[in-house]
Amino acid sequence: MNDIPATLFGFSRRLRDGDLCLTELGDGSGVILDLDGHQVLTLNGSGVVLVDAIAAGTLAIDDLAKILRERFDVEEMVAERDVQAFLEELGGYV
């Protein structure tokens, strides 16, 4: 196990009644495993931040965009556009 790069180790937690599992990787990215549908979704760092916020109960696009703006220093319009696109791509996974 010592031969595996540290960036492969992450923190896993269950989402949405336990049928989804989010694993954050050491580089800030992550994956969502759909245990029932046998699918894997890859996330960049901003995707992980958004999934964390959604899992914690933040659902409004404005609030999610604010989190992105604060965390990644992006403009309001860019953050809102990115959140909207992310939610559409994510579908009903979270």
PDB file of N, CA and C in Angstrom:
ATOM      1  N   MET A   1       0.811  -1.187   0.000  1.00  0.00           N
ATOM      2  CA  MET A   1       0.000   0.000   0.000  1.00  0.00           C
ATOM      3  C   MET A   1       0.862   1.262   0.000  1.00  0.00           C
ATOM      4  N   ASN A   2       2.079   1.182   0.429  1.00  0.00           N
ATOM      5  CA  ASN A   2       2.970   2.337   0.464  1.00  0.00           C
ATOM      6  C   ASN A   2       3.374   2.814  -0.916  1.00  0.00           C
ATOM      7  N   ASP A   3       3.191   1.979  -1.946  1.00  0.00           N
ATOM      8  CA  ASP A   3       3.561   2.354  -3.300  1.00  0.00           C
ATOM      9  C   ASP A   3       2.496   3.185  -3.998  1.00  0.00           C
ATOM     10  N   ILE A   4       1.314   3.308  -3.427  1.00  0.00           N
ATOM     11  CA  ILE A   4       0.232   4.064  -4.041  1.00  0.00           C
ATOM     12  C   ILE A   4       0.417   5.540  -3.712  1.00  0.00           C
ATOM     13  N   PRO A   5       0.381   6.423  -4.736  1.00  0.00           N
ATOM     14  CA  PRO A   5       0.551   7.856  -4.477  1.00  0.00           C
ATOM     15  C   PRO A   5      -0.493   8.389  -3.497  1.00  0.00           C
ATOM     16  N   ALA A   6      -0.098   9.320  -2.676  1.00  0.00           N
ATOM     17  CA  ALA A   6      -0.994   9.894  -1.665  1.00  0.00           C
ATOM     18  C   ALA A   6      -2.221  10.531  -2.286  1.00  0.00           C
ATOM     19  N   THR A   7      -2.127  11.025  -3.522  1.00  0.00           N
ATOM     20  CA  THR A   7      -3.277  11.678  -4.150  1.00  0.00           C
ATOM     21  C   THR A   7      -4.410  10.705  -4.419  1.00  0.00           C
ATOM     22  N   LEU A   8      -4.161   9.407  -4.337  1.00  0.00           N
ATOM     23  CA  LEU A   8      -5.230   8.439  -4.551  1.00  0.00           C
ATOM     24  C   LEU A   8      -6.058   8.215  -3.292  1.00  0.00           C
ATOM     25  N   PHE A   9      -5.526   8.584  -2.157  1.00  0.00           N
ATOM     26  CA  PHE A   9      -6.271   8.424  -0.920  1.00  0.00           C
ATOM     27  C   PHE A   9      -7.199   9.609  -0.745  1.00  0.00           C
ATOM     28  N   GLY A  10      -8.411   9.333  -0.326  1.00  0.00           N
ATOM     29  CA  GLY A  10      -9.367  10.416  -0.166  1.00  0.00           C
ATOM     30  C   GLY A  10     -10.313  10.140   0.977  1.00  0.00           C
ATOM     31  N   PHE A  11     -11.347  10.938   1.019  1.00  0.00           N
ATOM     32  CA  PHE A  11     -12.360  10.839   2.052  1.00  0.00           C
ATOM     33  C   PHE A  11     -13.673  10.465   1.379  1.00  0.00           C
ATOM     34  N   SER A  12     -14.299   9.389   1.814  1.00  0.00           N
ATOM     35  CA  SER A  12     -15.554   8.929   1.219  1.00  0.00           C
ATOM     36  C   SER A  12     -16.710   9.167   2.169  1.00  0.00           C
ATOM     37  N   ARG A  13     -17.855   9.466   1.595  1.00  0.00           N
ATOM     38  CA  ARG A  13     -19.077   9.578   2.392  1.00  0.00           C
ATOM     39  C   ARG A  13     -20.281   9.273   1.520  1.00  0.00           C
ATOM     40  N   ARG A  14     -21.330   8.833   2.157  1.00  0.00           N
ATOM     41  CA  ARG A  14     -22.555   8.466   1.460  1.00  0.00           C
ATOM     42  C   ARG A  14     -23.408   9.711   1.210  1.00  0.00           C
ATOM     43  N   LEU A  15     -24.111   9.703   0.104  1.00  0.00           N
ATOM     44  CA  LEU A  15     -25.026  10.777  -0.260  1.00  0.00           C
ATOM     45  C   LEU A  15     -26.399  10.170  -0.542  1.00  0.00           C
ATOM     46  N   ARG A  16     -27.416  10.970  -0.497  1.00  0.00           N
ATOM     47  CA  ARG A  16     -28.777  10.613  -0.892  1.00  0.00           C
ATOM     48  C   ARG A  16     -29.193   9.217  -0.437  1.00  0.00           C
ATOM     49  N   ASP A  17     -29.498   9.084   0.805  1.00  0.00           N
ATOM     50  CA  ASP A  17     -30.000   7.839   1.374  1.00  0.00           C
ATOM     51  C   ASP A  17     -29.063   6.653   1.187  1.00  0.00           C
ATOM     52  N   GLY A  18     -27.771   6.920   0.983  1.00  0.00           N
ATOM     53  CA  GLY A  18     -26.795   5.858   0.982  1.00  0.00           C
ATOM     54  C   GLY A  18     -26.539   5.167  -0.334  1.00  0.00           C
ATOM     55  N   ASP A  19     -27.298   5.485  -1.398  1.00  0.00           N
ATOM     56  CA  ASP A  19     -27.052   4.784  -2.661  1.00  0.00           C
ATOM     57  C   ASP A  19     -26.002   5.476  -3.529  1.00  0.00           C
ATOM     58  N   LEU A  20     -25.506   6.625  -3.083  1.00  0.00           N
ATOM     59  CA  LEU A  20     -24.418   7.333  -3.752  1.00  0.00           C
ATOM     60  C   LEU A  20     -23.270   7.497  -2.766  1.00  0.00           C
ATOM     61  N   CYS A  21     -22.065   7.414  -3.282  1.00  0.00           N
ATOM     62  CA  CYS A  21     -20.886   7.579  -2.436  1.00  0.00           C
ATOM     63  C   CYS A  21     -19.954   8.577  -3.107  1.00  0.00           C
ATOM     64  N   LEU A  22     -19.623   9.659  -2.402  1.00  0.00           N
ATOM     65  CA  LEU A  22     -18.678  10.658  -2.895  1.00  0.00           C
ATOM     66  C   LEU A  22     -17.321  10.385  -2.272  1.00  0.00           C
ATOM     67  N   THR A  23     -16.310  10.280  -3.116  1.00  0.00           N
ATOM     68  CA  THR A  23     -14.943  10.128  -2.643  1.00  0.00           C
ATOM     69  C   THR A  23     -14.134  11.311  -3.140  1.00  0.00           C
ATOM     70  N   GLU A  24     -13.598  12.067  -2.197  1.00  0.00           N
ATOM     71  CA  GLU A  24     -12.712  13.178  -2.540  1.00  0.00           C
ATOM     72  C   GLU A  24     -11.292  12.648  -2.630  1.00  0.00           C
ATOM     73  N   LEU A  25     -10.602  13.029  -3.686  1.00  0.00           N
ATOM     74  CA  LEU A  25      -9.231  12.599  -3.880  1.00  0.00           C
ATOM     75  C   LEU A  25      -8.279  13.665  -3.366  1.00  0.00           C
ATOM     76  N   GLY A  26      -7.042  13.293  -3.165  1.00  0.00           N
ATOM     77  CA  GLY A  26      -6.054  14.180  -2.579  1.00  0.00           C
ATOM     78  C   GLY A  26      -5.776  15.429  -3.384  1.00  0.00           C
ATOM     79  N   ASP A  27      -6.088  15.412  -4.676  1.00  0.00           N
ATOM     80  CA  ASP A  27      -5.832  16.583  -5.510  1.00  0.00           C
ATOM     81  C   ASP A  27      -7.008  17.550  -5.576  1.00  0.00           C
ATOM     82  N   GLY A  28      -8.064  17.303  -4.776  1.00  0.00           N
ATOM     83  CA  GLY A  28      -9.232  18.180  -4.758  1.00  0.00           C
ATOM     84  C   GLY A  28     -10.355  17.731  -5.662  1.00  0.00           C
ATOM     85  N   SER A  29     -10.089  16.808  -6.572  1.00  0.00           N
ATOM     86  CA  SER A  29     -11.139  16.278  -7.434  1.00  0.00           C
ATOM     87  C   SER A  29     -11.884  15.183  -6.676  1.00  0.00           C
ATOM     88  N   GLY A  30     -12.816  14.541  -7.342  1.00  0.00           N
ATOM     89  CA  GLY A  30     -13.552  13.475  -6.684  1.00  0.00           C
ATOM     90  C   GLY A  30     -14.344  12.645  -7.658  1.00  0.00           C
ATOM     91  N   VAL A  31     -14.958  11.605  -7.133  1.00  0.00           N
ATOM     92  CA  VAL A  31     -15.836  10.749  -7.918  1.00  0.00           C
ATOM     93  C   VAL A  31     -17.087  10.458  -7.108  1.00  0.00           C
ATOM     94  N   ILE A  32     -18.195  10.348  -7.820  1.00  0.00           N
ATOM     95  CA  ILE A  32     -19.434   9.882  -7.216  1.00  0.00           C
ATOM     96  C   ILE A  32     -19.695   8.494  -7.780  1.00  0.00           C
ATOM     97  N   LEU A  33     -19.880   7.536  -6.901  1.00  0.00           N
ATOM     98  CA  LEU A  33     -20.231   6.180  -7.298  1.00  0.00           C
ATOM     99  C   LEU A  33     -21.719   5.994  -7.067  1.00  0.00           C
ATOM    100  N   ASP A  34     -22.438   5.657  -8.120  1.00  0.00           N
ATOM    101  CA  ASP A  34     -23.859   5.329  -8.023  1.00  0.00           C
ATOM    102  C   ASP A  34     -23.939   3.829  -7.800  1.00  0.00           C
ATOM    103  N   LEU A  35     -24.149   3.437  -6.545  1.00  0.00           N
ATOM    104  CA  LEU A  35     -24.096   2.031  -6.177  1.00  0.00           C
ATOM    105  C   LEU A  35     -25.235   1.229  -6.776  1.00  0.00           C
ATOM    106  N   ASP A  36     -26.389   1.849  -6.977  1.00  0.00           N
ATOM    107  CA  ASP A  36     -27.529   1.146  -7.563  1.00  0.00           C
ATOM    108  C   ASP A  36     -27.452   1.102  -9.081  1.00  0.00           C
ATOM    109  N   GLY A  37     -27.046   2.212  -9.694  1.00  0.00           N
ATOM    110  CA  GLY A  37     -27.009   2.295 -11.147  1.00  0.00           C
ATOM    111  C   GLY A  37     -25.690   1.880 -11.753  1.00  0.00           C
ATOM    112  N   HIS A  38     -24.713   1.552 -10.912  1.00  0.00           N
ATOM    113  CA  HIS A  38     -23.401   1.102 -11.372  1.00  0.00           C
ATOM    114  C   HIS A  38     -22.750   2.107 -12.322  1.00  0.00           C
ATOM    115  N   GLN A  39     -22.778   3.373 -11.933  1.00  0.00           N
ATOM    116  CA  GLN A  39     -22.161   4.431 -12.720  1.00  0.00           C
ATOM    117  C   GLN A  39     -21.149   5.187 -11.870  1.00  0.00           C
ATOM    118  N   VAL A  40     -20.195   5.815 -12.549  1.00  0.00           N
ATOM    119  CA  VAL A  40     -19.187   6.628 -11.893  1.00  0.00           C
ATOM    120  C   VAL A  40     -19.198   8.004 -12.546  1.00  0.00           C
ATOM    121  N   LEU A  41     -19.291   9.046 -11.726  1.00  0.00           N
ATOM    122  CA  LEU A  41     -19.228  10.421 -12.214  1.00  0.00           C
ATOM    123  C   LEU A  41     -17.956  11.049 -11.670  1.00  0.00           C
ATOM    124  N   THR A  42     -17.154  11.658 -12.527  1.00  0.00           N
ATOM    125  CA  THR A  42     -15.945  12.328 -12.060  1.00  0.00           C
ATOM    126  C   THR A  42     -16.235  13.804 -11.836  1.00  0.00           C
ATOM    127  N   LEU A  43     -15.600  14.379 -10.832  1.00  0.00           N
ATOM    128  CA  LEU A  43     -15.802  15.779 -10.473  1.00  0.00           C
ATOM    129  C   LEU A  43     -14.462  16.489 -10.366  1.00  0.00           C
ATOM    130  N   ASN A  44     -14.449  17.735 -10.826  1.00  0.00           N
ATOM    131  CA  ASN A  44     -13.275  18.562 -10.560  1.00  0.00           C
ATOM    132  C   ASN A  44     -13.464  19.189  -9.176  1.00  0.00           C
ATOM    133  N   GLY A  45     -12.541  20.034  -8.777  1.00  0.00           N
ATOM    134  CA  GLY A  45     -12.601  20.633  -7.445  1.00  0.00           C
ATOM    135  C   GLY A  45     -13.859  21.432  -7.191  1.00  0.00           C
ATOM    136  N   SER A  46     -14.296  22.192  -8.178  1.00  0.00           N
ATOM    137  CA  SER A  46     -15.518  22.982  -7.975  1.00  0.00           C
ATOM    138  C   SER A  46     -16.742  22.072  -7.893  1.00  0.00           C
ATOM    139  N   GLY A  47     -16.726  20.965  -8.616  1.00  0.00           N
ATOM    140  CA  GLY A  47     -17.825  20.008  -8.525  1.00  0.00           C
ATOM    141  C   GLY A  47     -17.923  19.399  -7.144  1.00  0.00           C
ATOM    142  N   VAL A  48     -16.782  19.077  -6.554  1.00  0.00           N
ATOM    143  CA  VAL A  48     -16.768  18.529  -5.194  1.00  0.00           C
ATOM    144  C   VAL A  48     -17.335  19.546  -4.203  1.00  0.00           C
ATOM    145  N   VAL A  49     -16.931  20.797  -4.342  1.00  0.00           N
ATOM    146  CA  VAL A  49     -17.436  21.854  -3.459  1.00  0.00           C
ATOM    147  C   VAL A  49     -18.948  21.980  -3.593  1.00  0.00           C
ATOM    148  N   LEU A  50     -19.449  21.945  -4.817  1.00  0.00           N
ATOM    149  CA  LEU A  50     -20.891  22.066  -5.032  1.00  0.00           C
ATOM    150  C   LEU A  50     -21.647  20.861  -4.478  1.00  0.00           C
ATOM    151  N   VAL A  51     -21.141  19.667  -4.691  1.00  0.00           N
ATOM    152  CA  VAL A  51     -21.808  18.472  -4.166  1.00  0.00           C
ATOM    153  C   VAL A  51     -21.829  18.511  -2.640  1.00  0.00           C
ATOM    154  N   ASP A  52     -20.740  18.924  -2.028  1.00  0.00           N
ATOM    155  CA  ASP A  52     -20.713  19.075  -0.563  1.00  0.00           C
ATOM    156  C   ASP A  52     -21.787  20.042  -0.098  1.00  0.00           C
ATOM    157  N   ALA A  53     -21.897  21.178  -0.776  1.00  0.00           N
ATOM    158  CA  ALA A  53     -22.886  22.193  -0.389  1.00  0.00           C
ATOM    159  C   ALA A  53     -24.307  21.669  -0.576  1.00  0.00           C
ATOM    160  N   ILE A  54     -24.552  20.981  -1.680  1.00  0.00           N
ATOM    161  CA  ILE A  54     -25.885  20.426  -1.938  1.00  0.00           C
ATOM    162  C   ILE A  54     -26.219  19.364  -0.898  1.00  0.00           C
ATOM    163  N   ALA A  55     -25.279  18.498  -0.594  1.00  0.00           N
ATOM    164  CA  ALA A  55     -25.504  17.456   0.409  1.00  0.00           C
ATOM    165  C   ALA A  55     -25.775  18.045   1.787  1.00  0.00           C
ATOM    166  N   ALA A  56     -25.225  19.236   2.043  1.00  0.00           N
ATOM    167  CA  ALA A  56     -25.445  19.917   3.325  1.00  0.00           C
ATOM    168  C   ALA A  56     -26.751  20.702   3.342  1.00  0.00           C
ATOM    169  N   GLY A  57     -27.457  20.736   2.196  1.00  0.00           N
ATOM    170  CA  GLY A  57     -28.763  21.391   2.166  1.00  0.00           C
ATOM    171  C   GLY A  57     -28.824  22.700   1.411  1.00  0.00           C
ATOM    172  N   THR A  58     -27.725  23.146   0.830  1.00  0.00           N
ATOM    173  CA  THR A  58     -27.735  24.376   0.043  1.00  0.00           C
ATOM    174  C   THR A  58     -28.236  24.027  -1.351  1.00  0.00           C
ATOM    175  N   LEU A  59     -29.423  24.545  -1.703  1.00  0.00           N
ATOM    176  CA  LEU A  59     -30.040  24.154  -2.964  1.00  0.00           C
ATOM    177  C   LEU A  59     -30.262  25.309  -3.929  1.00  0.00           C
ATOM    178  N   ALA A  60     -30.282  26.523  -3.442  1.00  0.00           N
ATOM    179  CA  ALA A  60     -30.545  27.668  -4.313  1.00  0.00           C
ATOM    180  C   ALA A  60     -29.331  27.968  -5.189  1.00  0.00           C
ATOM    181  N   ILE A  61     -29.594  28.225  -6.457  1.00  0.00           N
ATOM    182  CA  ILE A  61     -28.516  28.523  -7.398  1.00  0.00           C
ATOM    183  C   ILE A  61     -27.702  29.724  -6.932  1.00  0.00           C
ATOM    184  N   ASP A  62     -28.364  30.759  -6.441  1.00  0.00           N
ATOM    185  CA  ASP A  62     -27.651  31.953  -5.955  1.00  0.00           C
ATOM    186  C   ASP A  62     -26.697  31.607  -4.813  1.00  0.00           C
ATOM    187  N   ASP A  63     -27.141  30.760  -3.900  1.00  0.00           N
ATOM    188  CA  ASP A  63     -26.295  30.373  -2.767  1.00  0.00           C
ATOM    189  C   ASP A  63     -25.117  29.515  -3.219  1.00  0.00           C
ATOM    190  N   LEU A  64     -25.371  28.609  -4.145  1.00  0.00           N
ATOM    191  CA  LEU A  64     -24.281  27.771  -4.669  1.00  0.00           C
ATOM    192  C   LEU A  64     -23.275  28.614  -5.442  1.00  0.00           C
ATOM    193  N   ALA A  65     -23.774  29.578  -6.217  1.00  0.00           N
ATOM    194  CA  ALA A  65     -22.880  30.469  -6.958  1.00  0.00           C
ATOM    195  C   ALA A  65     -22.034  31.299  -6.002  1.00  0.00           C
ATOM    196  N   LYS A  66     -22.626  31.737  -4.901  1.00  0.00           N
ATOM    197  CA  LYS A  66     -21.875  32.512  -3.910  1.00  0.00           C
ATOM    198  C   LYS A  66     -20.736  31.667  -3.321  1.00  0.00           C
ATOM    199  N   ILE A  67     -21.012  30.409  -3.061  1.00  0.00           N
ATOM    200  CA  ILE A  67     -19.976  29.516  -2.540  1.00  0.00           C
ATOM    201  C   ILE A  67     -18.833  29.398  -3.536  1.00  0.00           C
ATOM    202  N   LEU A  68     -19.154  29.236  -4.825  1.00  0.00           N
ATOM    203  CA  LEU A  68     -18.112  29.166  -5.851  1.00  0.00           C
ATOM    204  C   LEU A  68     -17.313  30.461  -5.926  1.00  0.00           C
ATOM    205  N   ARG A  69     -18.020  31.597  -5.868  1.00  0.00           N
ATOM    206  CA  ARG A  69     -17.328  32.895  -5.947  1.00  0.00           C
ATOM    207  C   ARG A  69     -16.349  33.049  -4.791  1.00  0.00           C
ATOM    208  N   GLU A  70     -16.769  32.689  -3.602  1.00  0.00           N
ATOM    209  CA  GLU A  70     -15.909  32.832  -2.433  1.00  0.00           C
ATOM    210  C   GLU A  70     -14.736  31.862  -2.457  1.00  0.00           C
ATOM    211  N   ARG A  71     -14.980  30.661  -2.910  1.00  0.00           N
ATOM    212  CA  ARG A  71     -13.939  29.621  -2.875  1.00  0.00           C
ATOM    213  C   ARG A  71     -12.943  29.748  -4.023  1.00  0.00           C
ATOM    214  N   PHE A  72     -13.442  30.141  -5.209  1.00  0.00           N
ATOM    215  CA  PHE A  72     -12.585  30.132  -6.393  1.00  0.00           C
ATOM    216  C   PHE A  72     -12.381  31.508  -7.016  1.00  0.00           C
ATOM    217  N   ASP A  73     -12.917  32.547  -6.403  1.00  0.00           N
ATOM    218  CA  ASP A  73     -12.721  33.915  -6.875  1.00  0.00           C
ATOM    219  C   ASP A  73     -13.105  34.069  -8.348  1.00  0.00           C
ATOM    220  N   VAL A  74     -14.355  33.702  -8.662  1.00  0.00           N
ATOM    221  CA  VAL A  74     -14.873  33.883 -10.019  1.00  0.00           C
ATOM    222  C   VAL A  74     -15.966  34.943 -10.002  1.00  0.00           C
ATOM    223  N   GLU A  75     -16.244  35.501 -11.162  1.00  0.00           N
ATOM    224  CA  GLU A  75     -17.263  36.542 -11.276  1.00  0.00           C
ATOM    225  C   GLU A  75     -18.658  35.943 -11.101  1.00  0.00           C
ATOM    226  N   GLU A  76     -19.593  36.793 -10.676  1.00  0.00           N
ATOM    227  CA  GLU A  76     -20.952  36.349 -10.372  1.00  0.00           C
ATOM    228  C   GLU A  76     -21.623  35.656 -11.553  1.00  0.00           C
ATOM    229  N   MET A  77     -21.553  36.254 -12.722  1.00  0.00           N
ATOM    230  CA  MET A  77     -22.210  35.668 -13.897  1.00  0.00           C
ATOM    231  C   MET A  77     -21.591  34.315 -14.261  1.00  0.00           C
ATOM    232  N   VAL A  78     -20.292  34.215 -14.151  1.00  0.00           N
ATOM    233  CA  VAL A  78     -19.599  32.957 -14.463  1.00  0.00           C
ATOM    234  C   VAL A  78     -20.008  31.884 -13.459  1.00  0.00           C
ATOM    235  N   ALA A  79     -20.045  32.234 -12.187  1.00  0.00           N
ATOM    236  CA  ALA A  79     -20.413  31.275 -11.145  1.00  0.00           C
ATOM    237  C   ALA A  79     -21.844  30.787 -11.342  1.00  0.00           C
ATOM    238  N   GLU A  80     -22.770  31.697 -11.622  1.00  0.00           N
ATOM    239  CA  GLU A  80     -24.165  31.308 -11.822  1.00  0.00           C
ATOM    240  C   GLU A  80     -24.309  30.408 -13.046  1.00  0.00           C
ATOM    241  N   ARG A  81     -23.624  30.734 -14.117  1.00  0.00           N
ATOM    242  CA  ARG A  81     -23.670  29.916 -15.334  1.00  0.00           C
ATOM    243  C   ARG A  81     -23.099  28.529 -15.064  1.00  0.00           C
ATOM    244  N   ASP A  82     -21.979  28.480 -14.351  1.00  0.00           N
ATOM    245  CA  ASP A  82     -21.339  27.203 -14.052  1.00  0.00           C
ATOM    246  C   ASP A  82     -22.201  26.333 -13.138  1.00  0.00           C
ATOM    247  N   VAL A  83     -22.834  26.950 -12.150  1.00  0.00           N
ATOM    248  CA  VAL A  83     -23.714  26.198 -11.250  1.00  0.00           C
ATOM    249  C   VAL A  83     -24.891  25.626 -12.034  1.00  0.00           C
ATOM    250  N   GLN A  84     -25.505  26.450 -12.869  1.00  0.00           N
ATOM    251  CA  GLN A  84     -26.641  25.983 -13.666  1.00  0.00           C
ATOM    252  C   GLN A  84     -26.237  24.809 -14.559  1.00  0.00           C
ATOM    253  N   ALA A  85     -25.110  24.917 -15.231  1.00  0.00           N
ATOM    254  CA  ALA A  85     -24.630  23.839 -16.104  1.00  0.00           C
ATOM    255  C   ALA A  85     -24.319  22.575 -15.292  1.00  0.00           C
ATOM    256  N   PHE A  86     -23.717  22.759 -14.125  1.00  0.00           N
ATOM    257  CA  PHE A  86     -23.382  21.625 -13.273  1.00  0.00           C
ATOM    258  C   PHE A  86     -24.648  20.899 -12.822  1.00  0.00           C
ATOM    259  N   LEU A  87     -25.655  21.655 -12.400  1.00  0.00           N
ATOM    260  CA  LEU A  87     -26.902  21.045 -11.928  1.00  0.00           C
ATOM    261  C   LEU A  87     -27.599  20.288 -13.052  1.00  0.00           C
ATOM    262  N   GLU A  88     -27.561  20.843 -14.245  1.00  0.00           N
ATOM    263  CA  GLU A  88     -28.177  20.160 -15.379  1.00  0.00           C
ATOM    264  C   GLU A  88     -27.440  18.863 -15.696  1.00  0.00           C
ATOM    265  N   GLU A  89     -26.115  18.900 -15.641  1.00  0.00           N
ATOM    266  CA  GLU A  89     -25.325  17.704 -15.914  1.00  0.00           C
ATOM    267  C   GLU A  89     -25.456  16.673 -14.809  1.00  0.00           C
ATOM    268  N   LEU A  90     -25.536  17.151 -13.578  1.00  0.00           N
ATOM    269  CA  LEU A  90     -25.639  16.242 -12.429  1.00  0.00           C
ATOM    270  C   LEU A  90     -26.980  15.534 -12.393  1.00  0.00           C
ATOM    271  N   GLY A  91     -28.002  16.190 -12.905  1.00  0.00           N
ATOM    272  CA  GLY A  91     -29.327  15.575 -12.922  1.00  0.00           C
ATOM    273  C   GLY A  91     -29.833  15.311 -11.519  1.00  0.00           C
ATOM    274  N   GLY A  92     -30.329  14.129 -11.279  1.00  0.00           N
ATOM    275  CA  GLY A  92     -30.887  13.787  -9.977  1.00  0.00           C
ATOM    276  C   GLY A  92     -29.952  13.035  -9.070  1.00  0.00           C
ATOM    277  N   TYR A  93     -28.655  13.145  -9.323  1.00  0.00           N
ATOM    278  CA  TYR A  93     -27.717  12.350  -8.537  1.00  0.00           C
ATOM    279  C   TYR A  93     -27.568  12.808  -7.094  1.00  0.00           C
ATOM    280  N   VAL A  94     -27.791  14.073  -6.802  1.00  0.00           N
ATOM    281  CA  VAL A  94     -27.593  14.538  -5.425  1.00  0.00           C
ATOM    282  C   VAL A  94     -28.886  15.111  -4.890  1.00  0.00           C
TER     283      VAL A  94
END
